[in-house]
């Protein structure tokens, strides 16, 4: 990751803000997933590094903007001051913008081991997942439903787009790089959908049951903002039941298609269910 940022020097506050936002901890779940799928498909994982870095930059940008006063208004992220608290609100907006745009520079200029057709397809998929048809669209509907109760289809739309599509993107990119089609493609995309939804349901649960010391951010923010979540709509126990069902199904389809070779994807799904932050 640092190698991809070493070309950046000026303006200093933007460079420092980008590095602060990326290197302040985090699970690196999305880049890890991309590399895991490439390994499972017996493809060179080095081919996925530029895309893995770009996805993490986009994820970091989304968190910088989510934390802003106009959205979630959070002071801490991963136990440290959020970017706008560290550098200023205007600076954080620009840092987020810089991360997003630089991610596309990485995708377009650092993927020189791939064909131009694959690079274009990766950029297309990334644009869909991170834009108004994906993450941004989910975030917008999430905001619209503050202070009013969403029905289940609307809540599923929010979760699928706000969180799920950026978790599905690493799998989609790995499939593009490897050229995988057919049954393996179908199984991996279904797995991605399942763990993407499970990840957001777990977030909803942690907002109720989590601890600041482990999460590194404020607990109960969804309730304070009166946001629609699985917990607020279906209750804590039903949310846990759905979480377990999604993870169980994800693991079953991977085991059936890939056997022992899919063990790391199974461990990743289990981690999503059991995580405490």
Protein backbone atom coordinates (compact mmCIF):
# COMPACT_ATOMS: atom_id res chain seq x y z
CA UNK A 1 0.00 0.00 0.00
CA UNK A 2 2.76 2.46 0.94
CA UNK A 3 4.49 1.90 -2.39
CA UNK A 4 1.40 3.16 -4.19
CA UNK A 5 1.38 6.38 -2.17
CA UNK A 6 5.07 7.24 -2.27
CA UNK A 7 4.61 9.31 -5.43
CA UNK A 8 2.36 11.71 -3.52
CA UNK A 9 4.21 14.63 -1.93
CA UNK A 10 2.12 17.81 -2.15
CA UNK A 11 -0.17 19.32 -0.86
CA UNK A 12 1.16 18.03 2.43
CA UNK A 13 -2.13 17.99 4.35
CA UNK A 14 -3.80 15.91 1.64
CA UNK A 15 -0.97 13.38 1.58
CA UNK A 16 -0.87 13.15 5.37
CA UNK A 17 -4.65 12.85 5.52
CA UNK A 18 -4.73 10.07 2.94
CA UNK A 19 -2.07 8.10 4.78
CA UNK A 20 -3.74 8.70 8.15
CA UNK A 21 -7.07 7.46 6.83
CA UNK A 22 -5.60 4.33 5.26
CA UNK A 23 -3.05 3.34 7.89
CA UNK A 24 -5.11 3.83 11.07
CA UNK A 25 -5.89 0.13 11.41
CA UNK A 26 -8.69 -1.85 9.86
CA UNK A 27 -9.30 -5.44 8.83
CA UNK A 28 -8.25 -5.11 5.15
CA UNK A 29 -11.12 -7.48 4.48
CA UNK A 30 -11.71 -6.46 0.87
CA UNK A 31 -8.13 -6.73 -0.41
CA UNK A 32 -7.67 -9.98 1.49
CA UNK A 33 -10.82 -11.39 -0.10
CA UNK A 34 -9.60 -10.49 -3.60
CA UNK A 35 -6.27 -12.22 -3.05
CA UNK A 36 -7.94 -15.24 -1.42
CA UNK A 37 -10.20 -15.77 -4.43
CA UNK A 38 -7.29 -15.44 -6.86
CA UNK A 39 -5.37 -18.05 -4.86
CA UNK A 40 -8.40 -20.32 -4.80
CA UNK A 41 -8.65 -20.03 -8.58
CA UNK A 42 -4.91 -20.80 -8.89
CA UNK A 43 -4.12 -17.38 -10.33
CA UNK A 44 -1.07 -15.21 -9.58
CA UNK A 45 -2.08 -13.03 -6.61
CA UNK A 46 0.35 -10.29 -7.70
CA UNK A 47 -2.06 -9.55 -10.54
CA UNK A 48 -4.62 -8.46 -7.97
CA UNK A 49 -2.45 -6.11 -5.88
CA UNK A 50 -3.24 -2.83 -7.70
CA UNK A 51 -6.97 -3.53 -7.56
CA UNK A 52 -6.73 -4.58 -3.91
CA UNK A 53 -5.01 -1.30 -3.05
CA UNK A 54 -7.58 0.72 -5.01
CA UNK A 55 -10.51 -0.96 -3.26
CA UNK A 56 -9.01 -0.23 0.14
CA UNK A 57 -8.56 3.42 -0.86
CA UNK A 58 -12.22 3.62 -1.87
CA UNK A 59 -13.26 1.98 1.40
CA UNK A 60 -11.12 4.46 3.34
CA UNK A 61 -12.63 7.39 1.46
CA UNK A 62 -16.14 6.17 2.26
CA UNK A 63 -15.32 6.04 5.97
CA UNK A 64 -13.78 9.53 5.94
CA UNK A 65 -16.96 10.93 4.44
CA UNK A 66 -19.30 8.78 6.57
CA UNK A 67 -17.70 10.20 9.71
CA UNK A 68 -18.33 13.83 8.70
CA UNK A 69 -20.78 15.96 10.75
CA UNK A 70 -23.26 16.03 7.84
CA UNK A 71 -23.49 12.22 7.90
CA UNK A 72 -22.68 10.09 10.98
CA UNK A 73 -20.83 12.83 12.88
CA UNK A 74 -18.37 10.43 14.52
CA UNK A 75 -15.35 11.55 16.52
CA UNK A 76 -13.52 8.22 16.61
CA UNK A 77 -12.72 5.53 14.08
CA UNK A 78 -10.77 2.43 15.13
CA UNK A 79 -9.97 4.08 18.43
CA UNK A 80 -8.38 7.16 16.84
CA UNK A 81 -9.72 10.59 15.95
CA UNK A 82 -11.66 10.60 12.70
CA UNK A 83 -10.03 12.38 9.79
CA UNK A 84 -12.14 15.53 10.11
CA UNK A 85 -11.35 15.74 13.83
CA UNK A 86 -7.65 15.32 13.11
CA UNK A 87 -7.29 17.63 10.09
CA UNK A 88 -10.50 19.68 9.83
CA UNK A 89 -13.82 19.21 8.09
CA UNK A 90 -12.95 20.84 4.75
CA UNK A 91 -9.65 18.98 4.70
CA UNK A 92 -11.41 15.65 5.33
CA UNK A 93 -13.78 16.21 2.43
CA UNK A 94 -10.82 16.80 0.14
CA UNK A 95 -8.88 13.84 1.59
CA UNK A 96 -11.84 11.58 0.82
CA UNK A 97 -12.10 12.99 -2.70
CA UNK A 98 -8.37 12.46 -3.19
CA UNK A 99 -8.55 8.83 -2.05
CA UNK A 100 -11.41 8.07 -4.42
CA UNK A 101 -9.84 9.68 -7.47
CA UNK A 102 -6.39 8.26 -6.76
CA UNK A 103 -7.92 4.78 -6.56
CA UNK A 104 -8.96 5.09 -10.20
CA UNK A 105 -5.50 6.30 -11.15
CA UNK A 106 -4.09 3.13 -9.56
CA UNK A 107 -6.61 0.95 -11.41
CA UNK A 108 -5.87 2.56 -14.75
CA UNK A 109 -2.08 2.97 -14.54
CA UNK A 110 -0.76 0.22 -12.24
CA UNK A 111 -2.56 -2.78 -13.74
CA UNK A 112 -0.03 -3.05 -16.57
CA UNK A 113 0.11 -6.86 -16.32
CA UNK A 114 -3.52 -7.11 -17.41
CA UNK A 115 -5.05 -6.65 -20.84
CA UNK A 116 -6.73 -3.33 -21.59
CA UNK A 117 -10.07 -5.13 -21.85
CA UNK A 118 -9.74 -6.47 -18.30
CA UNK A 119 -8.65 -3.07 -16.96
CA UNK A 120 -11.69 -1.39 -18.50
CA UNK A 121 -14.00 -4.06 -17.05
CA UNK A 122 -12.44 -3.68 -13.59
CA UNK A 123 -12.86 0.10 -13.73
CA UNK A 124 -16.48 -0.36 -14.83
CA UNK A 125 -17.27 -2.76 -11.98
CA UNK A 126 -15.54 -0.46 -9.48
CA UNK A 127 -17.49 2.55 -10.69
CA UNK A 128 -20.78 0.70 -10.31
CA UNK A 129 -19.98 -0.65 -6.85
CA UNK A 130 -18.75 2.66 -5.43
CA UNK A 131 -21.13 5.09 -7.16
CA UNK A 132 -24.81 5.98 -7.19
CA UNK A 133 -25.75 2.49 -8.36
CA UNK A 134 -23.89 1.00 -5.40
CA UNK A 135 -22.40 2.33 -2.19
CA UNK A 136 -23.45 5.97 -2.67
CA UNK A 137 -26.98 4.94 -3.57
CA UNK A 138 -27.24 2.79 -0.46
CA UNK A 139 -25.91 5.60 1.69
CA UNK A 140 -28.46 8.03 0.22
CA UNK A 141 -31.42 5.76 0.96
CA UNK A 142 -30.01 5.14 4.44
CA UNK A 143 -30.09 8.90 5.05
CA UNK A 144 -33.60 9.20 3.64
CA UNK A 145 -34.86 6.65 6.15
CA UNK A 146 -33.45 8.32 9.24
CA UNK A 147 -36.31 9.06 11.65
CA UNK A 148 -38.70 6.76 9.79
CA UNK A 149 -39.08 3.01 9.64
CA UNK A 150 -37.97 1.19 6.50
CA UNK A 151 -39.64 -2.01 5.37
CA UNK A 152 -37.52 -5.13 4.85
CA UNK A 153 -37.03 -4.74 1.06
CA UNK A 154 -35.81 -1.16 1.57
CA UNK A 155 -33.49 -2.23 4.37
CA UNK A 156 -32.10 -5.02 2.17
CA UNK A 157 -31.50 -2.45 -0.58
CA UNK A 158 -29.60 -0.23 1.84
CA UNK A 159 -27.45 -3.07 3.15
CA UNK A 160 -26.81 -4.65 -0.25
CA UNK A 161 -25.74 -1.36 -1.82
CA UNK A 162 -24.14 0.54 1.06
CA UNK A 163 -21.93 -2.34 2.20
CA UNK A 164 -22.53 -5.45 0.11
CA UNK A 165 -21.48 -4.24 -3.32
CA UNK A 166 -18.03 -3.09 -2.18
CA UNK A 167 -17.56 -6.49 -0.54
CA UNK A 168 -18.68 -8.24 -3.71
CA UNK A 169 -16.33 -6.15 -5.85
CA UNK A 170 -13.12 -8.00 -4.85
CA UNK A 171 -14.69 -11.28 -5.95
CA UNK A 172 -15.86 -9.75 -9.23
CA UNK A 173 -12.38 -8.39 -9.92
CA UNK A 174 -10.73 -11.72 -9.11
CA UNK A 175 -13.10 -13.40 -11.57
CA UNK A 176 -12.20 -10.86 -14.26
CA UNK A 177 -8.47 -11.27 -13.69
CA UNK A 178 -8.65 -15.08 -13.74
CA UNK A 179 -11.18 -15.28 -16.57
CA UNK A 180 -13.34 -17.64 -14.51
CA UNK A 181 -16.87 -18.32 -15.75
CA UNK A 182 -19.54 -20.96 -15.21
CA UNK A 183 -20.38 -22.72 -11.96
CA UNK A 184 -17.37 -21.48 -10.01
CA UNK A 185 -18.24 -17.90 -10.94
CA UNK A 186 -21.86 -18.36 -9.85
CA UNK A 187 -20.88 -19.88 -6.51
CA UNK A 188 -18.32 -17.19 -5.70
CA UNK A 189 -20.74 -14.39 -6.55
CA UNK A 190 -23.43 -15.93 -4.37
CA UNK A 191 -20.89 -16.31 -1.56
CA UNK A 192 -20.00 -12.63 -1.93
CA UNK A 193 -23.66 -11.60 -1.73
CA UNK A 194 -24.16 -13.68 1.41
CA UNK A 195 -21.13 -12.43 3.33
CA UNK A 196 -21.81 -8.84 2.23
CA UNK A 197 -25.26 -8.91 3.80
CA UNK A 198 -23.94 -10.80 6.81
CA UNK A 199 -21.26 -8.17 7.37
CA UNK A 200 -23.81 -5.35 7.59
CA UNK A 201 -26.16 -7.37 9.82
CA UNK A 202 -23.21 -7.98 12.15
CA UNK A 203 -22.52 -4.23 12.13
CA UNK A 204 -26.12 -3.64 13.19
CA UNK A 205 -25.70 -6.13 16.03
CA UNK A 206 -22.38 -4.65 17.17
CA UNK A 207 -23.96 -1.19 17.33
CA UNK A 208 -26.14 -2.64 20.10
CA UNK A 209 -23.86 -5.19 21.77
CA UNK A 210 -20.37 -3.95 20.95
CA UNK A 211 -17.83 -2.24 23.19
CA UNK A 212 -16.03 1.03 22.40
CA UNK A 213 -12.70 -0.48 23.51
CA UNK A 214 -13.02 -3.17 20.81
CA UNK A 215 -14.94 -1.34 18.10
CA UNK A 216 -12.98 1.88 18.47
CA UNK A 217 -16.06 3.99 17.76
CA UNK A 218 -19.26 5.17 19.42
CA UNK A 219 -21.83 2.50 20.32
CA UNK A 220 -25.54 3.07 19.77
CA UNK A 221 -25.12 5.59 16.98
CA UNK A 222 -27.81 3.91 14.86
CA UNK A 223 -30.36 4.33 17.63
CA UNK A 224 -29.30 7.93 18.27
CA UNK A 225 -29.72 8.71 14.56
CA UNK A 226 -32.95 6.67 14.49
CA UNK A 227 -31.68 4.60 11.56
CA UNK A 228 -33.44 1.54 10.24
CA UNK A 229 -31.37 -1.58 10.92
CA UNK A 230 -32.01 -5.31 11.09
CA UNK A 231 -32.05 -5.02 14.86
CA UNK A 232 -34.55 -2.15 14.93
CA UNK A 233 -36.80 -3.86 12.37
CA UNK A 234 -36.56 -7.52 13.35
CA UNK A 235 -35.06 -7.53 16.83
CA UNK A 236 -31.70 -8.71 18.12
CA UNK A 237 -32.36 -12.46 18.25
CA UNK A 238 -33.92 -12.62 14.78
CA UNK A 239 -31.01 -10.60 13.40
CA UNK A 240 -28.55 -13.09 14.90
CA UNK A 241 -30.55 -15.95 13.40
CA UNK A 242 -30.43 -14.41 9.92
CA UNK A 243 -26.71 -13.72 10.32
CA UNK A 244 -26.06 -17.36 11.16
CA UNK A 245 -28.18 -18.54 8.24
CA UNK A 246 -26.28 -16.37 5.75
CA UNK A 247 -22.88 -17.52 7.00
CA UNK A 248 -23.96 -21.16 7.08
CA UNK A 249 -25.18 -21.02 3.50
CA UNK A 250 -22.03 -19.20 2.35
CA UNK A 251 -19.86 -21.90 3.88
CA UNK A 252 -21.96 -24.73 2.51
CA UNK A 253 -21.80 -23.60 -1.11
CA UNK A 254 -18.05 -23.01 -0.93
CA UNK A 255 -17.42 -26.42 0.64
CA UNK A 256 -19.62 -28.13 -1.94
CA UNK A 257 -17.92 -26.52 -4.93
CA UNK A 258 -14.32 -26.23 -3.77
CA UNK A 259 -13.94 -28.71 -0.91
CA UNK A 260 -10.79 -28.30 1.21
CA UNK A 261 -9.45 -25.66 -1.20
CA UNK A 262 -12.17 -23.29 -0.01
CA UNK A 263 -11.21 -23.46 3.66
CA UNK A 264 -9.91 -19.89 3.84
CA UNK A 265 -13.12 -18.44 2.44
CA UNK A 266 -15.00 -20.46 5.06
CA UNK A 267 -12.73 -19.06 7.77
CA UNK A 268 -13.33 -15.56 6.43
CA UNK A 269 -17.10 -16.02 6.61
CA UNK A 270 -16.79 -17.33 10.18
CA UNK A 271 -14.66 -14.31 11.07
CA UNK A 272 -17.41 -11.98 9.81
CA UNK A 273 -19.90 -13.69 12.11
CA UNK A 274 -17.65 -13.79 15.17
CA UNK A 275 -15.85 -10.44 14.88
CA UNK A 276 -16.03 -8.00 17.75
CA UNK A 277 -15.02 -4.91 15.76
